[in-house]
């Protein structure tokens, strides 16, 4: 299993593929991340064909037990990003074995 690609490696690949200076590749990457973030903040959902759906999920307030003290602790309502992969991506990740 290979190591995950770093942000720098992704920027280098974008720059190389489109024959751009590293500075422009970095700007494209930063702009893409900013657009995704703003879209999630404003519309709570992004659909990326072939990749999947990113959606904001509201996790309600709940009470749990502090692991050290054993006292009850209230965890406030929070928002988190939920991801569901697209079918083409799932098929590429889990190819069906050929018939024997």
PDB file of N, CA and C in Angstrom:
ATOM      1  N   UNK A   1       0.848  -1.174   0.000  1.00  0.00           N
ATOM      2  CA  UNK A   1       0.000   0.000   0.000  1.00  0.00           C
ATOM      3  C   UNK A   1       0.896   1.239   0.000  1.00  0.00           C
ATOM      4  N   UNK A   2       0.575   2.178  -0.851  1.00  0.00           N
ATOM      5  CA  UNK A   2       1.419   3.363  -0.958  1.00  0.00           C
ATOM      6  C   UNK A   2       1.004   4.430   0.060  1.00  0.00           C
ATOM      7  N   UNK A   3       1.907   5.363   0.276  1.00  0.00           N
ATOM      8  CA  UNK A   3       1.631   6.460   1.203  1.00  0.00           C
ATOM      9  C   UNK A   3       0.671   7.451   0.544  1.00  0.00           C
ATOM     10  N   UNK A   4      -0.163   8.120   1.329  1.00  0.00           N
ATOM     11  CA  UNK A   4      -1.049   9.129   0.752  1.00  0.00           C
ATOM     12  C   UNK A   4      -0.246  10.296   0.179  1.00  0.00           C
ATOM     13  N   UNK A   5      -0.786  10.897  -0.867  1.00  0.00           N
ATOM     14  CA  UNK A   5      -0.119  12.036  -1.476  1.00  0.00           C
ATOM     15  C   UNK A   5      -0.290  13.265  -0.598  1.00  0.00           C
ATOM     16  N   UNK A   6       0.741  14.083  -0.564  1.00  0.00           N
ATOM     17  CA  UNK A   6       0.693  15.306   0.233  1.00  0.00           C
ATOM     18  C   UNK A   6       0.119  16.437  -0.614  1.00  0.00           C
ATOM     19  N   UNK A   7      -0.221  17.517   0.054  1.00  0.00           N
ATOM     20  CA  UNK A   7      -0.720  18.704  -0.639  1.00  0.00           C
ATOM     21  C   UNK A   7       0.306  19.176  -1.669  1.00  0.00           C
ATOM     22  N   UNK A   8       1.567  19.176  -1.304  1.00  0.00           N
ATOM     23  CA  UNK A   8       2.622  19.615  -2.223  1.00  0.00           C
ATOM     24  C   UNK A   8       2.672  18.724  -3.456  1.00  0.00           C
ATOM     25  N   UNK A   9       2.547  17.417  -3.282  1.00  0.00           N
ATOM     26  CA  UNK A   9       2.581  16.502  -4.417  1.00  0.00           C
ATOM     27  C   UNK A   9       1.397  16.714  -5.350  1.00  0.00           C
ATOM     28  N   UNK A  10       0.232  16.994  -4.790  1.00  0.00           N
ATOM     29  CA  UNK A  10      -0.956  17.259  -5.611  1.00  0.00           C
ATOM     30  C   UNK A  10      -0.764  18.555  -6.393  1.00  0.00           C
ATOM     31  N   UNK A  11      -0.256  19.595  -5.737  1.00  0.00           N
ATOM     32  CA  UNK A  11       0.001  20.877  -6.409  1.00  0.00           C
ATOM     33  C   UNK A  11       1.034  20.697  -7.511  1.00  0.00           C
ATOM     34  N   UNK A  12       2.086  19.936  -7.246  1.00  0.00           N
ATOM     35  CA  UNK A  12       3.107  19.665  -8.262  1.00  0.00           C
ATOM     36  C   UNK A  12       2.498  18.962  -9.477  1.00  0.00           C
ATOM     37  N   UNK A  13       1.604  17.992  -9.236  1.00  0.00           N
ATOM     38  CA  UNK A  13       0.964  17.266 -10.334  1.00  0.00           C
ATOM     39  C   UNK A  13       0.070  18.184 -11.162  1.00  0.00           C
ATOM     40  N   UNK A  14      -0.705  19.054 -10.499  1.00  0.00           N
ATOM     41  CA  UNK A  14      -1.559  20.011 -11.212  1.00  0.00           C
ATOM     42  C   UNK A  14      -0.693  20.927 -12.070  1.00  0.00           C
ATOM     43  N   UNK A  15       0.365  21.442 -11.490  1.00  0.00           N
ATOM     44  CA  UNK A  15       1.262  22.357 -12.209  1.00  0.00           C
ATOM     45  C   UNK A  15       1.901  21.676 -13.416  1.00  0.00           C
ATOM     46  N   UNK A  16       2.337  20.447 -13.234  1.00  0.00           N
ATOM     47  CA  UNK A  16       2.997  19.718 -14.321  1.00  0.00           C
ATOM     48  C   UNK A  16       2.006  19.378 -15.437  1.00  0.00           C
ATOM     49  N   UNK A  17       0.823  18.862 -15.072  1.00  0.00           N
ATOM     50  CA  UNK A  17      -0.163  18.449 -16.063  1.00  0.00           C
ATOM     51  C   UNK A  17      -0.648  19.606 -16.928  1.00  0.00           C
ATOM     52  N   UNK A  18      -0.780  20.784 -16.336  1.00  0.00           N
ATOM     53  CA  UNK A  18      -1.286  21.937 -17.082  1.00  0.00           C
ATOM     54  C   UNK A  18      -0.185  22.907 -17.482  1.00  0.00           C
ATOM     55  N   UNK A  19       1.062  22.495 -17.264  1.00  0.00           N
ATOM     56  CA  UNK A  19       2.234  23.308 -17.625  1.00  0.00           C
ATOM     57  C   UNK A  19       2.131  24.720 -17.043  1.00  0.00           C
ATOM     58  N   UNK A  20       1.924  24.745 -15.732  1.00  0.00           N
ATOM     59  CA  UNK A  20       1.787  26.007 -15.008  1.00  0.00           C
ATOM     60  C   UNK A  20       2.937  26.153 -14.024  1.00  0.00           C
ATOM     61  N   UNK A  21       3.271  27.388 -13.672  1.00  0.00           N
ATOM     62  CA  UNK A  21       4.240  27.575 -12.587  1.00  0.00           C
ATOM     63  C   UNK A  21       3.642  27.047 -11.276  1.00  0.00           C
ATOM     64  N   UNK A  22       4.513  26.637 -10.366  1.00  0.00           N
ATOM     65  CA  UNK A  22       4.064  26.104  -9.069  1.00  0.00           C
ATOM     66  C   UNK A  22       3.157  27.105  -8.358  1.00  0.00           C
ATOM     67  N   UNK A  23       3.475  28.383  -8.459  1.00  0.00           N
ATOM     68  CA  UNK A  23       2.672  29.415  -7.791  1.00  0.00           C
ATOM     69  C   UNK A  23       1.221  29.386  -8.287  1.00  0.00           C
ATOM     70  N   UNK A  24       1.017  29.200  -9.594  1.00  0.00           N
ATOM     71  CA  UNK A  24      -0.349  29.142 -10.130  1.00  0.00           C
ATOM     72  C   UNK A  24      -1.039  27.842  -9.715  1.00  0.00           C
ATOM     73  N   UNK A  25      -0.282  26.735  -9.699  1.00  0.00           N
ATOM     74  CA  UNK A  25      -0.851  25.468  -9.236  1.00  0.00           C
ATOM     75  C   UNK A  25      -1.310  25.573  -7.792  1.00  0.00           C
ATOM     76  N   UNK A  26      -0.506  26.236  -6.980  1.00  0.00           N
ATOM     77  CA  UNK A  26      -0.848  26.455  -5.572  1.00  0.00           C
ATOM     78  C   UNK A  26      -2.104  27.318  -5.458  1.00  0.00           C
ATOM     79  N   UNK A  27      -2.213  28.340  -6.298  1.00  0.00           N
ATOM     80  CA  UNK A  27      -3.380  29.232  -6.273  1.00  0.00           C
ATOM     81  C   UNK A  27      -4.646  28.479  -6.691  1.00  0.00           C
ATOM     82  N   UNK A  28      -4.533  27.622  -7.693  1.00  0.00           N
ATOM     83  CA  UNK A  28      -5.687  26.825  -8.138  1.00  0.00           C
ATOM     84  C   UNK A  28      -6.142  25.900  -7.018  1.00  0.00           C
ATOM     85  N   UNK A  29      -5.200  25.226  -6.389  1.00  0.00           N
ATOM     86  CA  UNK A  29      -5.528  24.315  -5.293  1.00  0.00           C
ATOM     87  C   UNK A  29      -6.217  25.074  -4.147  1.00  0.00           C
ATOM     88  N   UNK A  30      -5.645  26.211  -3.758  1.00  0.00           N
ATOM     89  CA  UNK A  30      -6.219  27.007  -2.661  1.00  0.00           C
ATOM     90  C   UNK A  30      -7.616  27.508  -3.013  1.00  0.00           C
ATOM     91  N   UNK A  31      -7.807  27.912  -4.258  1.00  0.00           N
ATOM     92  CA  UNK A  31      -9.124  28.419  -4.692  1.00  0.00           C
ATOM     93  C   UNK A  31     -10.161  27.300  -4.686  1.00  0.00           C
ATOM     94  N   UNK A  32      -9.756  26.110  -5.112  1.00  0.00           N
ATOM     95  CA  UNK A  32     -10.662  24.972  -5.123  1.00  0.00           C
ATOM     96  C   UNK A  32     -11.110  24.623  -3.704  1.00  0.00           C
ATOM     97  N   UNK A  33     -10.182  24.575  -2.781  1.00  0.00           N
ATOM     98  CA  UNK A  33     -10.515  24.284  -1.381  1.00  0.00           C
ATOM     99  C   UNK A  33     -11.431  25.370  -0.813  1.00  0.00           C
ATOM    100  N   UNK A  34     -11.139  26.625  -1.131  1.00  0.00           N
ATOM    101  CA  UNK A  34     -11.966  27.744  -0.650  1.00  0.00           C
ATOM    102  C   UNK A  34     -13.390  27.650  -1.204  1.00  0.00           C
ATOM    103  N   UNK A  35     -13.526  27.322  -2.490  1.00  0.00           N
ATOM    104  CA  UNK A  35     -14.861  27.183  -3.091  1.00  0.00           C
ATOM    105  C   UNK A  35     -15.646  26.057  -2.441  1.00  0.00           C
ATOM    106  N   UNK A  36     -14.994  24.917  -2.193  1.00  0.00           N
ATOM    107  CA  UNK A  36     -15.671  23.810  -1.519  1.00  0.00           C
ATOM    108  C   UNK A  36     -16.134  24.230  -0.135  1.00  0.00           C
ATOM    109  N   UNK A  37     -15.270  24.898   0.592  1.00  0.00           N
ATOM    110  CA  UNK A  37     -15.599  25.335   1.952  1.00  0.00           C
ATOM    111  C   UNK A  37     -16.774  26.301   1.950  1.00  0.00           C
ATOM    112  N   UNK A  38     -16.732  27.304   1.071  1.00  0.00           N
ATOM    113  CA  UNK A  38     -17.814  28.283   1.004  1.00  0.00           C
ATOM    114  C   UNK A  38     -19.136  27.636   0.599  1.00  0.00           C
ATOM    115  N   UNK A  39     -19.082  26.697  -0.337  1.00  0.00           N
ATOM    116  CA  UNK A  39     -20.302  26.020  -0.777  1.00  0.00           C
ATOM    117  C   UNK A  39     -20.904  25.199   0.357  1.00  0.00           C
ATOM    118  N   UNK A  40     -20.070  24.535   1.139  1.00  0.00           N
ATOM    119  CA  UNK A  40     -20.584  23.780   2.284  1.00  0.00           C
ATOM    120  C   UNK A  40     -21.185  24.703   3.335  1.00  0.00           C
ATOM    121  N   UNK A  41     -20.551  25.841   3.559  1.00  0.00           N
ATOM    122  CA  UNK A  41     -21.069  26.797   4.548  1.00  0.00           C
ATOM    123  C   UNK A  41     -22.411  27.365   4.104  1.00  0.00           C
ATOM    124  N   UNK A  42     -22.531  27.719   2.827  1.00  0.00           N
ATOM    125  CA  UNK A  42     -23.739  28.411   2.357  1.00  0.00           C
ATOM    126  C   UNK A  42     -24.873  27.480   1.938  1.00  0.00           C
ATOM    127  N   UNK A  43     -24.558  26.359   1.315  1.00  0.00           N
ATOM    128  CA  UNK A  43     -25.647  25.504   0.844  1.00  0.00           C
ATOM    129  C   UNK A  43     -25.683  24.138   1.517  1.00  0.00           C
ATOM    130  N   UNK A  44     -24.713  23.835   2.365  1.00  0.00           N
ATOM    131  CA  UNK A  44     -24.665  22.604   3.153  1.00  0.00           C
ATOM    132  C   UNK A  44     -24.484  21.333   2.329  1.00  0.00           C
ATOM    133  N   UNK A  45     -24.178  21.449   1.028  1.00  0.00           N
ATOM    134  CA  UNK A  45     -24.051  20.243   0.206  1.00  0.00           C
ATOM    135  C   UNK A  45     -23.261  20.529  -1.068  1.00  0.00           C
ATOM    136  N   UNK A  46     -22.384  19.594  -1.434  1.00  0.00           N
ATOM    137  CA  UNK A  46     -21.655  19.661  -2.692  1.00  0.00           C
ATOM    138  C   UNK A  46     -21.778  18.297  -3.353  1.00  0.00           C
ATOM    139  N   UNK A  47     -22.179  18.281  -4.614  1.00  0.00           N
ATOM    140  CA  UNK A  47     -22.221  17.045  -5.382  1.00  0.00           C
ATOM    141  C   UNK A  47     -21.132  17.103  -6.435  1.00  0.00           C
ATOM    142  N   UNK A  48     -20.198  16.166  -6.355  1.00  0.00           N
ATOM    143  CA  UNK A  48     -19.091  16.092  -7.309  1.00  0.00           C
ATOM    144  C   UNK A  48     -19.273  14.814  -8.124  1.00  0.00           C
ATOM    145  N   UNK A  49     -19.639  14.967  -9.396  1.00  0.00           N
ATOM    146  CA  UNK A  49     -19.872  13.812 -10.258  1.00  0.00           C
ATOM    147  C   UNK A  49     -18.615  12.949 -10.301  1.00  0.00           C
ATOM    148  N   UNK A  50     -18.784  11.667 -10.073  1.00  0.00           N
ATOM    149  CA  UNK A  50     -17.672  10.732 -10.104  1.00  0.00           C
ATOM    150  C   UNK A  50     -16.925  10.618  -8.790  1.00  0.00           C
ATOM    151  N   UNK A  51     -17.103  11.574  -7.907  1.00  0.00           N
ATOM    152  CA  UNK A  51     -16.408  11.550  -6.621  1.00  0.00           C
ATOM    153  C   UNK A  51     -17.375  11.258  -5.480  1.00  0.00           C
ATOM    154  N   UNK A  52     -18.465  12.013  -5.388  1.00  0.00           N
ATOM    155  CA  UNK A  52     -19.448  11.766  -4.342  1.00  0.00           C
ATOM    156  C   UNK A  52     -20.112  13.037  -3.855  1.00  0.00           C
ATOM    157  N   UNK A  53     -20.777  12.923  -2.724  1.00  0.00           N
ATOM    158  CA  UNK A  53     -21.526  14.027  -2.134  1.00  0.00           C
ATOM    159  C   UNK A  53     -20.941  14.338  -0.757  1.00  0.00           C
ATOM    160  N   UNK A  54     -20.650  15.604  -0.546  1.00  0.00           N
ATOM    161  CA  UNK A  54     -20.229  16.113   0.755  1.00  0.00           C
ATOM    162  C   UNK A  54     -21.412  16.896   1.301  1.00  0.00           C
ATOM    163  N   UNK A  55     -21.826  16.606   2.512  1.00  0.00           N
ATOM    164  CA  UNK A  55     -22.977  17.294   3.096  1.00  0.00           C
ATOM    165  C   UNK A  55     -22.701  17.617   4.559  1.00  0.00           C
ATOM    166  N   UNK A  56     -23.263  18.743   5.015  1.00  0.00           N
ATOM    167  CA  UNK A  56     -23.130  19.134   6.415  1.00  0.00           C
ATOM    168  C   UNK A  56     -24.182  18.371   7.213  1.00  0.00           C
ATOM    169  N   UNK A  57     -23.735  17.732   8.268  1.00  0.00           N
ATOM    170  CA  UNK A  57     -24.604  16.944   9.130  1.00  0.00           C
ATOM    171  C   UNK A  57     -24.609  17.594  10.506  1.00  0.00           C
ATOM    172  N   UNK A  58     -25.786  17.838  11.061  1.00  0.00           N
ATOM    173  CA  UNK A  58     -25.892  18.432  12.394  1.00  0.00           C
ATOM    174  C   UNK A  58     -26.001  17.301  13.407  1.00  0.00           C
ATOM    175  N   UNK A  59     -25.061  17.275  14.325  1.00  0.00           N
ATOM    176  CA  UNK A  59     -25.065  16.273  15.383  1.00  0.00           C
ATOM    177  C   UNK A  59     -25.687  16.898  16.630  1.00  0.00           C
ATOM    178  N   UNK A  60     -26.767  16.339  17.115  1.00  0.00           N
ATOM    179  CA  UNK A  60     -27.481  16.955  18.237  1.00  0.00           C
ATOM    180  C   UNK A  60     -26.695  16.896  19.542  1.00  0.00           C
ATOM    181  N   UNK A  61     -27.095  17.759  20.447  1.00  0.00           N
ATOM    182  CA  UNK A  61     -26.499  17.780  21.789  1.00  0.00           C
ATOM    183  C   UNK A  61     -26.792  16.449  22.469  1.00  0.00           C
ATOM    184  N   UNK A  62     -25.805  15.921  23.193  1.00  0.00           N
ATOM    185  CA  UNK A  62     -26.015  14.684  23.917  1.00  0.00           C
ATOM    186  C   UNK A  62     -25.137  14.667  25.172  1.00  0.00           C
ATOM    187  N   UNK A  63     -25.497  13.781  26.075  1.00  0.00           N
ATOM    188  CA  UNK A  63     -24.748  13.636  27.326  1.00  0.00           C
ATOM    189  C   UNK A  63     -23.951  12.350  27.260  1.00  0.00           C
ATOM    190  N   UNK A  64     -22.713  12.425  27.703  1.00  0.00           N
ATOM    191  CA  UNK A  64     -21.837  11.261  27.744  1.00  0.00           C
ATOM    192  C   UNK A  64     -21.091  11.260  29.071  1.00  0.00           C
ATOM    193  N   UNK A  65     -20.235  10.308  29.282  1.00  0.00           N
ATOM    194  CA  UNK A  65     -19.490  10.192  30.531  1.00  0.00           C
ATOM    195  C   UNK A  65     -18.027  10.519  30.273  1.00  0.00           C
ATOM    196  N   UNK A  66     -17.460  11.389  31.115  1.00  0.00           N
ATOM    197  CA  UNK A  66     -16.042  11.727  31.007  1.00  0.00           C
ATOM    198  C   UNK A  66     -15.244  10.475  31.368  1.00  0.00           C
ATOM    199  N   UNK A  67     -14.294  10.058  30.508  1.00  0.00           N
ATOM    200  CA  UNK A  67     -13.606   8.783  30.746  1.00  0.00           C
ATOM    201  C   UNK A  67     -12.745   8.747  32.010  1.00  0.00           C
ATOM    202  N   UNK A  68     -12.208   9.873  32.437  1.00  0.00           N
ATOM    203  CA  UNK A  68     -11.328   9.883  33.617  1.00  0.00           C
ATOM    204  C   UNK A  68     -12.105  10.044  34.911  1.00  0.00           C
ATOM    205  N   UNK A  69     -12.994  11.049  34.935  1.00  0.00           N
ATOM    206  CA  UNK A  69     -13.708  11.345  36.186  1.00  0.00           C
ATOM    207  C   UNK A  69     -14.982  10.541  36.354  1.00  0.00           C
ATOM    208  N   UNK A  70     -15.552  10.067  35.250  1.00  0.00           N
ATOM    209  CA  UNK A  70     -16.807   9.338  35.329  1.00  0.00           C
ATOM    210  C   UNK A  70     -18.022  10.222  35.477  1.00  0.00           C
ATOM    211  N   UNK A  71     -17.811  11.544  35.454  1.00  0.00           N
ATOM    212  CA  UNK A  71     -18.917  12.488  35.581  1.00  0.00           C
ATOM    213  C   UNK A  71     -19.610  12.693  34.235  1.00  0.00           C
ATOM    214  N   UNK A  72     -20.915  12.978  34.257  1.00  0.00           N
ATOM    215  CA  UNK A  72     -21.619  13.241  33.000  1.00  0.00           C
ATOM    216  C   UNK A  72     -21.159  14.577  32.384  1.00  0.00           C
ATOM    217  N   UNK A  73     -21.015  14.572  31.082  1.00  0.00           N
ATOM    218  CA  UNK A  73     -20.594  15.766  30.345  1.00  0.00           C
ATOM    219  C   UNK A  73     -21.568  15.968  29.193  1.00  0.00           C
ATOM    220  N   UNK A  74     -21.991  17.212  28.989  1.00  0.00           N
ATOM    221  CA  UNK A  74     -22.880  17.521  27.874  1.00  0.00           C
ATOM    222  C   UNK A  74     -22.052  17.985  26.689  1.00  0.00           C
ATOM    223  N   UNK A  75     -22.222  17.297  25.552  1.00  0.00           N
ATOM    224  CA  UNK A  75     -21.539  17.662  24.317  1.00  0.00           C
ATOM    225  C   UNK A  75     -22.522  18.524  23.515  1.00  0.00           C
ATOM    226  N   UNK A  76     -22.142  19.771  23.175  1.00  0.00           N
ATOM    227  CA  UNK A  76     -23.070  20.660  22.481  1.00  0.00           C
ATOM    228  C   UNK A  76     -23.345  20.208  21.039  1.00  0.00           C
ATOM    229  N   UNK A  77     -24.390  20.803  20.450  1.00  0.00           N
ATOM    230  CA  UNK A  77     -24.715  20.547  19.050  1.00  0.00           C
ATOM    231  C   UNK A  77     -23.537  20.963  18.185  1.00  0.00           C
ATOM    232  N   UNK A  78     -23.198  20.124  17.218  1.00  0.00           N
ATOM    233  CA  UNK A  78     -22.061  20.408  16.334  1.00  0.00           C
ATOM    234  C   UNK A  78     -22.427  20.074  14.898  1.00  0.00           C
ATOM    235  N   UNK A  79     -21.715  20.728  13.995  1.00  0.00           N
ATOM    236  CA  UNK A  79     -21.843  20.411  12.574  1.00  0.00           C
ATOM    237  C   UNK A  79     -20.595  19.653  12.142  1.00  0.00           C
ATOM    238  N   UNK A  80     -20.787  18.682  11.270  1.00  0.00           N
ATOM    239  CA  UNK A  80     -19.674  17.901  10.732  1.00  0.00           C
ATOM    240  C   UNK A  80     -19.957  17.634   9.261  1.00  0.00           C
ATOM    241  N   UNK A  81     -18.925  17.327   8.509  1.00  0.00           N
ATOM    242  CA  UNK A  81     -19.091  17.020   7.090  1.00  0.00           C
ATOM    243  C   UNK A  81     -19.220  15.519   6.940  1.00  0.00           C
ATOM    244  N   UNK A  82     -20.251  15.115   6.221  1.00  0.00           N
ATOM    245  CA  UNK A  82     -20.494  13.714   5.926  1.00  0.00           C
ATOM    246  C   UNK A  82     -20.188  13.500   4.440  1.00  0.00           C
ATOM    247  N   UNK A  83     -19.618  12.359   4.099  1.00  0.00           N
ATOM    248  CA  UNK A  83     -19.257  12.072   2.715  1.00  0.00           C
ATOM    249  C   UNK A  83     -19.861  10.749   2.284  1.00  0.00           C
ATOM    250  N   UNK A  84     -20.419  10.720   1.095  1.00  0.00           N
ATOM    251  CA  UNK A  84     -20.922   9.474   0.505  1.00  0.00           C
ATOM    252  C   UNK A  84     -20.322   9.373  -0.881  1.00  0.00           C
ATOM    253  N   UNK A  85     -19.604   8.302  -1.128  1.00  0.00           N
ATOM    254  CA  UNK A  85     -18.903   8.154  -2.398  1.00  0.00           C
ATOM    255  C   UNK A  85     -19.872   7.869  -3.538  1.00  0.00           C
ATOM    256  N   UNK A  86     -19.473   8.284  -4.734  1.00  0.00           N
ATOM    257  CA  UNK A  86     -20.259   8.044  -5.938  1.00  0.00           C
ATOM    258  C   UNK A  86     -20.077   6.599  -6.387  1.00  0.00           C
ATOM    259  N   UNK A  87     -21.071   6.082  -7.065  1.00  0.00           N
ATOM    260  CA  UNK A  87     -21.021   4.701  -7.527  1.00  0.00           C
ATOM    261  C   UNK A  87     -19.802   4.421  -8.415  1.00  0.00           C
ATOM    262  N   UNK A  88     -19.450   5.299  -9.383  1.00  0.00           N
ATOM    263  CA  UNK A  88     -18.259   5.005 -10.196  1.00  0.00           C
ATOM    264  C   UNK A  88     -16.983   4.887  -9.366  1.00  0.00           C
ATOM    265  N   UNK A  89     -16.852   5.704  -8.324  1.00  0.00           N
ATOM    266  CA  UNK A  89     -15.681   5.618  -7.453  1.00  0.00           C
ATOM    267  C   UNK A  89     -15.689   4.306  -6.676  1.00  0.00           C
ATOM    268  N   UNK A  90     -16.836   3.931  -6.142  1.00  0.00           N
ATOM    269  CA  UNK A  90     -16.930   2.661  -5.403  1.00  0.00           C
ATOM    270  C   UNK A  90     -16.590   1.481  -6.305  1.00  0.00           C
ATOM    271  N   UNK A  91     -17.035   1.538  -7.552  1.00  0.00           N
ATOM    272  CA  UNK A  91     -16.738   0.445  -8.491  1.00  0.00           C
ATOM    273  C   UNK A  91     -15.250   0.373  -8.816  1.00  0.00           C
ATOM    274  N   UNK A  92     -14.587   1.526  -8.911  1.00  0.00           N
ATOM    275  CA  UNK A  92     -13.150   1.520  -9.172  1.00  0.00           C
ATOM    276  C   UNK A  92     -12.369   1.034  -7.956  1.00  0.00           C
ATOM    277  N   UNK A  93     -12.866   1.357  -6.759  1.00  0.00           N
ATOM    278  CA  UNK A  93     -12.197   0.915  -5.541  1.00  0.00           C
ATOM    279  C   UNK A  93     -12.394  -0.582  -5.295  1.00  0.00           C
ATOM    280  N   UNK A  94     -13.565  -1.089  -5.681  1.00  0.00           N
ATOM    281  CA  UNK A  94     -13.921  -2.487  -5.429  1.00  0.00           C
ATOM    282  C   UNK A  94     -14.297  -3.179  -6.733  1.00  0.00           C
ATOM    283  N   UNK A  95     -13.333  -3.407  -7.628  1.00  0.00           N
ATOM    284  CA  UNK A  95     -13.690  -4.049  -8.903  1.00  0.00           C
ATOM    285  C   UNK A  95     -14.172  -5.474  -8.670  1.00  0.00           C
ATOM    286  N   UNK A  96     -15.150  -5.852  -9.456  1.00  0.00           N
ATOM    287  CA  UNK A  96     -15.663  -7.204  -9.338  1.00  0.00           C
ATOM    288  C   UNK A  96     -14.667  -8.163  -9.962  1.00  0.00           C
ATOM    289  N   UNK A  97     -14.522  -9.322  -9.340  1.00  0.00           N
ATOM    290  CA  UNK A  97     -13.592 -10.299  -9.881  1.00  0.00           C
ATOM    291  C   UNK A  97     -14.209 -10.925 -11.132  1.00  0.00           C
ATOM    292  N   UNK A  98     -13.391 -11.215 -12.143  1.00  0.00           N
ATOM    293  CA  UNK A  98     -13.942 -11.825 -13.372  1.00  0.00           C
ATOM    294  C   UNK A  98     -14.463 -13.223 -13.100  1.00  0.00           C
ATOM    295  N   UNK A  99     -15.449 -13.617 -13.883  1.00  0.00           N
ATOM    296  CA  UNK A  99     -16.036 -14.948 -13.752  1.00  0.00           C
ATOM    297  C   UNK A  99     -14.991 -16.008 -14.092  1.00  0.00           C
ATOM    298  N   UNK A 100     -15.041 -17.130 -13.406  1.00  0.00           N
ATOM    299  CA  UNK A 100     -14.071 -18.201 -13.641  1.00  0.00           C
ATOM    300  C   UNK A 100     -14.577 -19.191 -14.635  1.00  0.00           C
TER     301      UNK A 100
END
